[in-house]
Amino acid sequence: MRKLFIIIVAALVVVVAGCYKDKGNYDYSAPEEPLVTNLDTVYSVFVGDSLIVKPTIRYTNPAMLRFDWKIAIPELLSDLSFKGPEIRTVYGLGASRYQAKLTITDSSNGMKYFYSFVVSGKTAFSQGTAVLSVENGETKFSFIKPDGTVQPNIYEAANLGAKLGGKPKQLIGLRHASIVPYHISSYWVITEEGEKGVQINTNTMKKVKNLAGNFFTPPATLTPGSFIGTQQEVMNGVINGKLYVGMTQTWNLNPLYGMYGNPAEGDYNLFDQAAFNSVMPYFLGYDKIRKQVVAFTNFGSPAYIGTNYQVVGDTFDVKKVGLDLVYFTQVNDGNCYALGKDASGNLKEIKFGAAFMGFIQLRPVYIRNFIQPALITPTTKWAFAPSEIFYFTSGDKIYRYNPTNEDIRPLTTNFNGKAVTMIKLIDGGNTLLAGTEGSLYQLDVSTGKFGDIIKKQDGIPGQTIDVVIRNDK
């Protein structure tokens, strides 16, 4: 046993000595990596123009490199593939953003290197302003290019003279808040006559479908109220006095996305305007028959609960308002304002707070006579800022209204006696768009400003009804 122990110890000494004497160099040398420059993160290209992607590649032996390009096309569940050190092709994809990747393979060692970028397709309509107007009783849809050139009646030109119907109400641009950068996917024109609504492709100006075609089973008649485009790229609104919400339970490129099923079931008849919360799970409306505020929960789909909400305070009874409304809105998913006439014809203004705490809670604030009722006419248009400052039209003037102190004052702009037919706030409430016969104005209403003209655009056919500014990147 002693002899075996001596043999084992001797063997260990030999091994340790061998390791000590091994002074070989074990430093790792990384393989050379291709140096890629002049590869942009985004390539913007107009449909039909040349797409050229030509990066600069530095490598000791470039003949050893292989180049593979792929541009993903999600709507077709496929991709475009190219080989070689550059892409040179005529761009034939749509006016959308496509994820692309360059893969460089070193054939000497099999190493792969990946470089991502974006191809952004554009058309002549990717930037500019879409305008809805009415001329001689006919609805017109036009487009203003960034250089100020007006393309009148572009819808008729793109659709072989097709008409949009009479009495236009709204122009809505749909986009998905989760898809960046800003990208308007389609327009909806809402009218009182004709097809009542038409969806328009933003890149070709061609008709996609009409309002009846946005229903799984359309009602026998359609009487559109007011609509709002949501952050999920669908349109919610009031139709036939009922509340409708666009379907979002599928992929946004699915043809069924945004369509209407049945309205929220219940015994109610809504005023044209409703409050569609963007973050809270409830909607609010006004029953024009019972003349009361009604509510809907929204946990995936709207459910009518009528007046089954909690009321805090007794300034007035939101369940028995008793007014024939002329205007209703909710500001910042919070306070609600409405104007309406009582049984004696007096114009009243109401304000109530709204909140969700596992249940819907309404808090009446006031009901009072509107301070200058003579200024409100059947054609008055309204707009509000996030600060709860309101603007309204009266003939050829626009007024600024602060409900906190009931201050009403006219803006300084002179519209040369033309009636103001549209107002809309943009830029977080700092710029007011105003439309008249033949013209569109941008007015400065930022802090301390009262409507100084920033820009005026002429050449619009007829009276301006609504606009959507498109500035896709």
Protein backbone atom coordinates (compact mmCIF):
# COMPACT_ATOMS: atom_id res chain seq x y z
CA MET A 1 0.00 0.00 0.00
CA ARG A 2 2.88 2.35 0.89
CA LYS A 3 4.46 1.67 -2.52
CA LEU A 4 1.16 2.48 -4.32
CA PHE A 5 0.91 5.78 -2.45
CA ILE A 6 4.44 6.76 -3.48
CA ILE A 7 3.64 5.98 -7.14
CA ILE A 8 0.47 8.18 -7.09
CA VAL A 9 2.30 11.13 -5.50
CA ALA A 10 5.09 10.87 -8.06
CA ALA A 11 2.57 10.88 -10.90
CA LEU A 12 0.91 14.02 -9.55
CA VAL A 13 4.24 15.80 -9.30
CA VAL A 14 4.93 15.02 -12.96
CA VAL A 15 1.52 16.35 -14.02
CA VAL A 16 1.87 19.56 -12.00
CA ALA A 17 5.37 20.11 -13.32
CA GLY A 18 4.12 19.65 -16.86
CA CYS A 19 1.40 22.22 -16.34
CA TYR A 20 3.85 24.69 -14.83
CA LYS A 21 6.23 24.39 -17.76
CA ASP A 22 3.39 24.88 -20.33
CA LYS A 23 3.71 28.59 -21.11
CA GLY A 24 1.79 28.47 -24.39
CA ASN A 25 -0.10 31.58 -25.59
CA TYR A 26 -3.87 31.11 -25.18
CA ASP A 27 -4.96 34.72 -26.09
CA TYR A 28 -8.16 34.69 -28.24
CA SER A 29 -8.04 36.49 -31.59
CA ALA A 30 -11.53 37.57 -32.76
CA PRO A 31 -12.19 37.20 -36.48
CA GLU A 32 -12.27 40.38 -38.50
CA GLU A 33 -15.72 41.98 -38.60
CA PRO A 34 -16.98 43.85 -41.66
CA LEU A 35 -17.15 47.61 -41.09
CA VAL A 36 -20.49 48.84 -42.44
CA THR A 37 -21.10 52.59 -42.90
CA ASN A 38 -23.56 54.73 -44.88
CA LEU A 39 -26.45 52.42 -44.02
CA ASP A 40 -29.32 54.68 -42.93
CA THR A 41 -31.91 53.69 -40.34
CA VAL A 42 -34.80 54.79 -42.60
CA TYR A 43 -35.04 54.94 -46.40
CA SER A 44 -37.99 57.03 -47.62
CA VAL A 45 -39.07 56.34 -51.19
CA PHE A 46 -42.09 57.20 -53.30
CA VAL A 47 -44.06 54.38 -54.87
CA GLY A 48 -42.72 53.86 -58.40
CA ASP A 49 -39.36 55.53 -57.71
CA SER A 50 -35.99 53.78 -57.37
CA LEU A 51 -35.06 52.30 -54.01
CA ILE A 52 -31.27 52.35 -53.68
CA VAL A 53 -29.54 51.06 -50.55
CA LYS A 54 -25.77 51.15 -51.03
CA PRO A 55 -23.72 50.90 -47.83
CA THR A 56 -19.95 51.12 -47.71
CA ILE A 57 -18.26 47.86 -46.63
CA ARG A 58 -14.69 47.66 -45.38
CA TYR A 59 -13.07 44.22 -45.12
CA THR A 60 -9.64 42.79 -45.85
CA ASN A 61 -10.95 40.21 -48.30
CA PRO A 62 -14.42 41.37 -49.46
CA ALA A 63 -14.69 38.43 -51.87
CA MET A 64 -15.30 36.22 -48.81
CA LEU A 65 -18.50 38.10 -47.88
CA ARG A 66 -22.04 37.16 -48.94
CA PHE A 67 -24.90 39.71 -48.76
CA ASP A 68 -28.58 38.82 -48.23
CA TRP A 69 -31.34 41.42 -47.96
CA LYS A 70 -34.92 40.91 -46.79
CA ILE A 71 -37.81 43.39 -46.64
CA ALA A 72 -40.70 41.98 -44.56
CA ILE A 73 -44.23 42.39 -45.99
CA PRO A 74 -46.56 41.53 -43.09
CA GLU A 75 -49.80 42.09 -45.02
CA LEU A 76 -48.73 39.33 -47.46
CA LEU A 77 -47.04 37.17 -44.80
CA SER A 78 -43.92 37.14 -46.98
CA ASP A 79 -40.83 39.18 -47.81
CA LEU A 80 -38.77 40.56 -50.67
CA SER A 81 -35.26 39.09 -51.01
CA PHE A 82 -32.18 40.51 -52.71
CA LYS A 83 -28.56 39.39 -52.97
CA GLY A 84 -25.41 41.37 -53.48
CA PRO A 85 -23.71 44.33 -51.78
CA GLU A 86 -26.57 46.76 -52.59
CA ILE A 87 -30.29 47.05 -53.41
CA ARG A 88 -31.30 48.72 -56.66
CA THR A 89 -34.95 48.24 -57.54
CA VAL A 90 -38.15 50.07 -58.46
CA TYR A 91 -40.17 50.41 -55.29
CA GLY A 92 -43.54 48.73 -55.76
CA LEU A 93 -44.72 48.15 -52.21
CA GLY A 94 -47.38 50.28 -50.54
CA ALA A 95 -47.13 53.58 -48.73
CA SER A 96 -46.22 52.04 -45.42
CA ARG A 97 -43.20 51.24 -43.24
CA TYR A 98 -41.47 47.91 -43.80
CA GLN A 99 -38.84 46.35 -41.55
CA ALA A 100 -35.72 45.31 -43.47
CA LYS A 101 -32.50 43.48 -42.65
CA LEU A 102 -29.08 43.03 -44.25
CA THR A 103 -27.29 39.79 -43.35
CA ILE A 104 -23.56 39.60 -44.13
CA THR A 105 -22.03 36.11 -44.02
CA ASP A 106 -18.26 35.54 -43.85
CA SER A 107 -17.81 32.36 -45.90
CA SER A 108 -14.34 31.75 -44.42
CA ASN A 109 -15.69 31.02 -40.96
CA GLY A 110 -19.50 31.03 -41.23
CA MET A 111 -19.90 34.15 -39.05
CA LYS A 112 -23.08 36.18 -39.70
CA TYR A 113 -23.62 39.89 -39.06
CA PHE A 114 -27.05 41.54 -39.00
CA TYR A 115 -28.04 45.15 -39.75
CA SER A 116 -31.64 46.39 -39.48
CA PHE A 117 -33.25 49.38 -41.17
CA VAL A 118 -36.68 50.58 -42.35
CA VAL A 119 -38.07 51.22 -45.82
CA SER A 120 -40.78 53.89 -45.66
CA GLY A 121 -42.99 53.98 -48.74
CA LYS A 122 -44.67 57.23 -49.66
CA THR A 123 -47.13 58.62 -52.18
CA ALA A 124 -48.02 62.13 -53.29
CA PHE A 125 -50.57 62.13 -50.44
CA SER A 126 -48.23 61.15 -47.57
CA GLN A 127 -47.95 64.77 -46.43
CA GLY A 128 -50.52 67.52 -46.71
CA THR A 129 -54.06 68.37 -45.63
CA ALA A 130 -57.23 66.52 -46.58
CA VAL A 131 -60.21 68.88 -46.79
CA LEU A 132 -63.93 68.15 -46.67
CA SER A 133 -66.14 70.89 -48.09
CA VAL A 134 -69.53 71.47 -49.65
CA GLU A 135 -70.12 73.33 -52.92
CA ASN A 136 -73.57 73.88 -54.41
CA GLY A 137 -74.95 71.18 -52.14
CA GLU A 138 -72.36 68.56 -53.18
CA THR A 139 -69.72 67.11 -50.88
CA LYS A 140 -66.16 67.71 -52.05
CA PHE A 141 -62.96 66.01 -50.92
CA SER A 142 -59.72 67.80 -51.79
CA PHE A 143 -56.04 67.68 -50.85
CA ILE A 144 -53.59 70.50 -50.13
CA LYS A 145 -49.95 69.69 -50.86
CA PRO A 146 -47.19 70.97 -48.54
CA ASP A 147 -46.33 73.70 -51.09
CA GLY A 148 -49.91 75.03 -50.90
CA THR A 149 -51.13 73.56 -54.18
CA VAL A 150 -54.78 72.52 -53.93
CA GLN A 151 -55.92 69.36 -55.69
CA PRO A 152 -59.68 69.97 -55.74
CA ASN A 153 -62.22 67.16 -55.91
CA ILE A 154 -59.49 64.52 -55.70
CA TYR A 155 -62.00 61.84 -54.64
CA GLU A 156 -64.09 62.30 -57.77
CA ALA A 157 -60.97 62.21 -59.95
CA ALA A 158 -59.71 58.99 -58.35
CA ASN A 159 -63.12 57.26 -58.44
CA LEU A 160 -64.29 57.97 -61.99
CA GLY A 161 -66.57 60.84 -61.02
CA ALA A 162 -68.24 59.10 -58.05
CA LYS A 163 -70.02 61.41 -55.59
CA LEU A 164 -69.82 61.38 -51.81
CA GLY A 165 -73.41 62.41 -51.07
CA GLY A 166 -74.82 65.63 -49.67
CA LYS A 167 -74.66 67.46 -46.34
CA PRO A 168 -71.16 66.50 -45.15
CA LYS A 169 -70.70 66.24 -41.38
CA GLN A 170 -67.21 64.98 -40.54
CA LEU A 171 -63.83 63.95 -41.89
CA ILE A 172 -61.99 61.45 -39.68
CA GLY A 173 -58.42 60.20 -40.08
CA LEU A 174 -57.74 56.80 -38.52
CA ARG A 175 -54.38 55.79 -37.09
CA HIS A 176 -53.07 53.29 -34.56
CA ALA A 177 -51.34 54.87 -31.57
CA SER A 178 -49.04 51.85 -31.14
CA ILE A 179 -47.69 52.05 -34.69
CA VAL A 180 -44.92 54.60 -34.91
CA PRO A 181 -44.24 56.97 -36.41
CA TYR A 182 -47.57 58.71 -37.01
CA HIS A 183 -49.37 57.05 -39.91
CA ILE A 184 -52.94 57.77 -41.06
CA SER A 185 -54.28 54.56 -42.58
CA SER A 186 -57.63 55.76 -43.96
CA TYR A 187 -60.16 58.59 -44.01
CA TRP A 188 -63.86 58.39 -43.28
CA VAL A 189 -66.21 60.96 -44.78
CA ILE A 190 -69.54 61.13 -42.92
CA THR A 191 -72.56 62.67 -44.64
CA GLU A 192 -76.27 62.99 -43.93
CA GLU A 193 -77.25 61.99 -47.47
CA GLY A 194 -76.16 59.37 -49.98
CA GLU A 195 -74.12 56.49 -48.59
CA LYS A 196 -73.90 58.29 -45.22
CA GLY A 197 -70.23 57.38 -44.93
CA VAL A 198 -67.33 56.41 -47.20
CA GLN A 199 -63.92 55.06 -46.23
CA ILE A 200 -61.08 56.34 -48.43
CA ASN A 201 -57.59 54.89 -48.95
CA THR A 202 -55.15 57.60 -47.87
CA ASN A 203 -52.57 56.71 -50.52
CA THR A 204 -54.74 56.33 -53.62
CA MET A 205 -57.85 58.34 -52.63
CA LYS A 206 -59.95 55.42 -53.84
CA LYS A 207 -63.08 54.25 -52.06
CA VAL A 208 -62.61 51.29 -49.72
CA LYS A 209 -66.24 50.77 -48.63
CA ASN A 210 -69.30 52.67 -47.47
CA LEU A 211 -70.78 52.93 -43.99
CA ALA A 212 -73.24 50.08 -44.54
CA GLY A 213 -70.28 47.93 -45.61
CA ASN A 214 -68.68 48.48 -42.21
CA PHE A 215 -71.43 46.40 -40.55
CA PHE A 216 -71.55 42.63 -40.28
CA THR A 217 -75.32 43.06 -40.64
CA PRO A 218 -76.23 46.63 -41.58
CA PRO A 219 -79.41 48.24 -40.19
CA ALA A 220 -82.27 48.87 -42.59
CA THR A 221 -81.61 52.62 -42.35
CA LEU A 222 -78.60 54.64 -41.28
CA THR A 223 -78.78 57.99 -39.50
CA PRO A 224 -75.23 58.90 -38.50
CA GLY A 225 -74.58 61.08 -35.49
CA SER A 226 -71.08 62.09 -34.43
CA PHE A 227 -67.99 59.84 -34.62
CA ILE A 228 -64.52 59.76 -33.13
CA GLY A 229 -61.37 57.99 -34.29
CA THR A 230 -59.83 55.97 -31.47
CA GLN A 231 -56.21 55.22 -30.60
CA GLN A 232 -56.79 51.68 -31.88
CA GLU A 233 -57.47 52.81 -35.46
CA VAL A 234 -61.24 52.27 -35.36
CA MET A 235 -64.24 54.57 -35.38
CA ASN A 236 -66.74 54.79 -32.52
CA GLY A 237 -69.93 56.76 -32.81
CA VAL A 238 -73.68 57.18 -32.59
CA ILE A 239 -75.84 55.73 -35.37
CA ASN A 240 -79.66 55.64 -35.25
CA GLY A 241 -79.45 56.87 -31.66
CA LYS A 242 -77.43 53.80 -30.63
CA LEU A 243 -73.83 53.48 -29.51
CA TYR A 244 -71.49 51.57 -31.84
CA VAL A 245 -67.88 50.56 -31.21
CA GLY A 246 -65.50 49.31 -33.91
CA MET A 247 -64.22 45.75 -33.46
CA THR A 248 -60.60 45.41 -32.28
CA GLN A 249 -60.46 41.70 -31.43
CA THR A 250 -58.24 40.84 -34.38
CA TRP A 251 -55.16 42.03 -36.31
CA ASN A 252 -55.46 45.62 -37.48
CA LEU A 253 -54.76 44.57 -41.11
CA ASN A 254 -57.59 42.03 -41.05
CA PRO A 255 -60.48 43.20 -43.31
CA LEU A 256 -62.85 42.70 -40.37
CA TYR A 257 -60.93 45.05 -38.09
CA GLY A 258 -62.98 48.11 -37.11
CA MET A 259 -66.31 46.73 -38.32
CA TYR A 260 -69.56 47.11 -36.38
CA GLY A 261 -71.53 44.29 -34.87
CA ASN A 262 -74.63 44.98 -32.82
CA PRO A 263 -74.95 48.25 -30.91
CA ALA A 264 -74.86 48.31 -27.13
CA GLU A 265 -78.21 46.72 -26.32
CA GLY A 266 -80.71 48.71 -24.28
CA ASP A 267 -83.74 50.99 -24.23
CA TYR A 268 -82.13 54.34 -25.01
CA ASN A 269 -82.02 56.95 -27.78
CA LEU A 270 -78.80 58.97 -27.74
CA PHE A 271 -78.08 62.57 -28.61
CA ASP A 272 -75.69 62.67 -31.58
CA GLN A 273 -72.58 63.28 -29.46
CA ALA A 274 -71.28 60.79 -26.90
CA ALA A 275 -68.20 60.69 -24.66
CA PHE A 276 -65.87 57.85 -25.65
CA ASN A 277 -63.18 57.56 -23.00
CA SER A 278 -59.72 56.72 -24.27
CA VAL A 279 -58.38 55.19 -21.04
CA MET A 280 -61.29 54.51 -18.68
CA PRO A 281 -63.63 51.51 -19.11
CA TYR A 282 -66.84 53.49 -19.57
CA PHE A 283 -68.69 55.67 -22.08
CA LEU A 284 -71.26 58.40 -21.43
CA GLY A 285 -74.17 59.63 -23.50
CA TYR A 286 -77.36 61.65 -23.23
CA ASP A 287 -80.74 60.08 -23.77
CA LYS A 288 -82.63 62.69 -25.79
CA ILE A 289 -86.03 61.15 -25.00
CA ARG A 290 -85.67 60.75 -21.24
CA LYS A 291 -83.36 63.82 -21.14
CA GLN A 292 -80.86 62.24 -18.78
CA VAL A 293 -77.18 61.26 -18.70
CA VAL A 294 -76.72 57.55 -19.35
CA ALA A 295 -73.67 55.33 -19.06
CA PHE A 296 -72.07 52.27 -20.63
CA THR A 297 -69.38 50.04 -19.19
CA ASN A 298 -66.68 48.97 -21.60
CA PHE A 299 -64.84 45.81 -20.61
CA GLY A 300 -64.02 44.60 -24.11
CA SER A 301 -67.45 45.53 -25.45
CA PRO A 302 -69.92 48.23 -24.38
CA ALA A 303 -72.80 47.36 -22.09
CA TYR A 304 -75.64 49.80 -21.40
CA ILE A 305 -76.25 50.45 -17.69
CA GLY A 306 -78.49 53.51 -18.09
CA THR A 307 -78.55 55.54 -14.86
CA ASN A 308 -77.08 52.75 -12.75
CA TYR A 309 -74.12 54.90 -11.74
CA GLN A 310 -73.21 56.62 -8.47
CA VAL A 311 -73.99 60.33 -8.07
CA VAL A 312 -72.09 62.49 -5.60
CA GLY A 313 -73.65 65.91 -4.93
CA ASP A 314 -77.05 67.42 -5.63
CA THR A 315 -76.32 70.64 -7.55
CA PHE A 316 -78.64 69.29 -10.22
CA ASP A 317 -80.02 65.87 -11.10
CA VAL A 318 -78.00 64.23 -13.90
CA LYS A 319 -80.75 61.60 -14.11
CA LYS A 320 -83.35 64.30 -14.80
CA VAL A 321 -81.52 67.05 -16.68
CA GLY A 322 -84.57 67.98 -18.74
CA LEU A 323 -82.73 69.78 -21.58
CA ASP A 324 -82.81 69.42 -25.35
CA LEU A 325 -79.08 69.36 -25.99
CA VAL A 326 -77.24 71.28 -28.69
CA TYR A 327 -73.71 70.33 -27.57
CA PHE A 328 -72.12 67.64 -25.37
CA THR A 329 -68.50 66.70 -24.75
CA GLN A 330 -66.04 65.31 -22.22
CA VAL A 331 -62.64 66.96 -21.71
CA ASN A 332 -59.52 64.90 -20.92
CA ASP A 333 -61.58 61.85 -19.90
CA GLY A 334 -62.83 63.92 -16.98
CA ASN A 335 -65.26 66.85 -16.78
CA CYS A 336 -68.27 66.88 -19.09
CA TYR A 337 -69.94 69.99 -20.49
CA ALA A 338 -73.26 70.38 -22.29
CA LEU A 339 -75.51 73.11 -23.62
CA GLY A 340 -79.23 72.70 -24.11
CA LYS A 341 -82.58 74.43 -24.00
CA ASP A 342 -85.07 73.96 -21.20
CA ALA A 343 -88.86 73.78 -21.58
CA SER A 344 -89.05 77.59 -21.69
CA GLY A 345 -86.43 77.87 -24.43
CA ASN A 346 -83.69 79.20 -22.14
CA LEU A 347 -80.17 78.13 -23.09
CA LYS A 348 -78.57 76.32 -20.17
CA GLU A 349 -75.02 75.17 -19.54
CA ILE A 350 -74.21 72.17 -17.35
CA LYS A 351 -70.97 70.73 -16.02
CA PHE A 352 -70.40 67.46 -14.21
CA GLY A 353 -67.33 65.43 -13.31
CA ALA A 354 -66.93 61.77 -14.24
CA ALA A 355 -64.64 59.12 -12.79
CA PHE A 356 -64.28 55.35 -12.58
CA MET A 357 -63.52 53.68 -9.23
CA GLY A 358 -64.60 50.15 -9.98
CA PHE A 359 -67.94 51.79 -10.74
CA ILE A 360 -68.95 54.95 -12.62
CA GLN A 361 -69.29 58.04 -10.49
CA LEU A 362 -70.78 61.35 -11.68
CA ARG A 363 -70.43 64.59 -9.75
CA PRO A 364 -72.80 67.44 -10.75
CA VAL A 365 -71.00 70.82 -10.62
CA TYR A 366 -73.50 73.38 -11.92
CA ILE A 367 -76.46 74.15 -14.13
CA ARG A 368 -76.80 77.80 -15.16
CA ASN A 369 -77.99 80.12 -17.88
CA PHE A 370 -75.46 80.44 -20.68
CA ILE A 371 -74.08 83.95 -20.37
CA GLN A 372 -74.60 85.08 -24.00
CA PRO A 373 -77.27 82.85 -25.57
CA ALA A 374 -77.79 85.18 -28.56
CA LEU A 375 -74.37 84.15 -29.89
CA ILE A 376 -75.35 80.49 -30.22
CA THR A 377 -77.02 79.73 -33.55
CA PRO A 378 -78.14 76.50 -35.29
CA THR A 379 -74.83 76.53 -37.25
CA THR A 380 -72.53 77.16 -34.27
CA LYS A 381 -69.43 74.93 -34.21
CA TRP A 382 -67.46 74.08 -31.06
CA ALA A 383 -63.90 73.13 -30.15
CA PHE A 384 -62.20 72.75 -26.78
CA ALA A 385 -58.64 72.79 -25.48
CA PRO A 386 -57.19 70.41 -22.86
CA SER A 387 -57.20 73.38 -20.47
CA GLU A 388 -61.04 73.40 -20.68
CA ILE A 389 -61.09 76.60 -22.73
CA PHE A 390 -63.78 76.52 -25.42
CA TYR A 391 -64.09 78.16 -28.83
CA PHE A 392 -67.33 78.57 -30.75
CA THR A 393 -68.47 80.19 -33.97
CA SER A 394 -71.21 82.75 -34.45
CA GLY A 395 -71.69 83.98 -37.99
CA ASP A 396 -68.41 85.45 -39.22
CA LYS A 397 -66.75 85.45 -35.78
CA ILE A 398 -65.05 83.02 -33.41
CA TYR A 399 -65.33 83.46 -29.66
CA ARG A 400 -63.14 82.20 -26.84
CA TYR A 401 -65.09 81.02 -23.78
CA ASN A 402 -63.69 80.32 -20.32
CA PRO A 403 -66.36 78.52 -18.26
CA THR A 404 -64.49 79.16 -15.01
CA ASN A 405 -65.24 82.90 -15.03
CA GLU A 406 -67.78 82.94 -17.90
CA ASP A 407 -65.51 85.22 -19.91
CA ILE A 408 -66.42 85.43 -23.61
CA ARG A 409 -64.35 87.46 -26.05
CA PRO A 410 -64.06 87.47 -29.83
CA LEU A 411 -60.87 86.46 -31.59
CA THR A 412 -59.09 89.18 -33.51
CA THR A 413 -59.21 87.59 -36.96
CA ASN A 414 -61.33 89.28 -39.61
CA PHE A 415 -62.97 86.82 -41.99
CA ASN A 416 -64.23 89.56 -44.30
CA GLY A 417 -67.88 88.88 -43.54
CA LYS A 418 -67.71 85.17 -44.43
CA ALA A 419 -69.39 82.76 -42.05
CA VAL A 420 -67.01 80.48 -40.17
CA THR A 421 -68.09 76.94 -41.05
CA MET A 422 -65.45 74.92 -39.19
CA ILE A 423 -63.11 75.13 -36.20
CA LYS A 424 -60.69 72.50 -34.90
CA LEU A 425 -57.84 72.71 -32.38
CA ILE A 426 -54.40 71.18 -33.04
CA ASP A 427 -50.93 71.41 -31.45
CA GLY A 428 -52.22 70.69 -27.97
CA GLY A 429 -54.74 73.51 -28.17
CA ASN A 430 -52.27 76.19 -29.30
CA THR A 431 -53.43 76.46 -32.92
CA LEU A 432 -57.01 76.82 -34.10
CA LEU A 433 -57.97 75.77 -37.63
CA ALA A 434 -60.87 77.79 -39.01
CA GLY A 435 -62.69 77.30 -42.29
CA THR A 436 -64.83 79.61 -44.39
CA GLU A 437 -66.05 79.71 -47.98
CA GLY A 438 -62.95 78.93 -50.06
CA SER A 439 -60.38 79.33 -47.28
CA LEU A 440 -58.66 77.59 -44.38
CA TYR A 441 -56.93 79.56 -41.61
CA GLN A 442 -54.39 78.66 -38.94
CA LEU A 443 -54.81 80.92 -35.91
CA ASP A 444 -52.51 81.40 -32.93
CA VAL A 445 -54.45 80.80 -29.72
CA SER A 446 -51.49 79.96 -27.49
CA THR A 447 -51.18 81.64 -24.11
CA GLY A 448 -51.84 85.35 -24.43
CA LYS A 449 -52.84 85.12 -28.11
CA PHE A 450 -56.32 85.72 -29.51
CA GLY A 451 -56.33 84.36 -33.01
CA ASP A 452 -53.55 86.07 -34.93
CA ILE A 453 -53.31 84.56 -38.42
CA ILE A 454 -50.39 82.16 -38.80
CA LYS A 455 -51.30 81.01 -42.29
CA LYS A 456 -54.15 81.28 -44.78
CA GLN A 457 -54.89 78.80 -47.56
CA ASP A 458 -57.23 79.72 -50.42
CA GLY A 459 -58.62 77.68 -53.30
CA ILE A 460 -60.87 75.29 -51.40
CA PRO A 461 -64.05 74.44 -53.34
CA GLY A 462 -67.07 75.68 -51.38
CA GLN A 463 -67.46 75.94 -47.62
CA THR A 464 -64.85 74.17 -45.48
CA ILE A 465 -66.48 71.55 -43.24
CA ASP A 466 -63.58 69.57 -41.75
CA VAL A 467 -59.87 68.87 -42.28
CA VAL A 468 -57.27 66.25 -41.37
CA ILE A 469 -53.56 67.08 -41.48
CA ARG A 470 -51.36 64.21 -42.66
CA ASN A 471 -47.63 64.30 -41.94
CA ASP A 472 -46.44 60.71 -42.26
CA LYS A 473 -42.70 60.24 -41.78
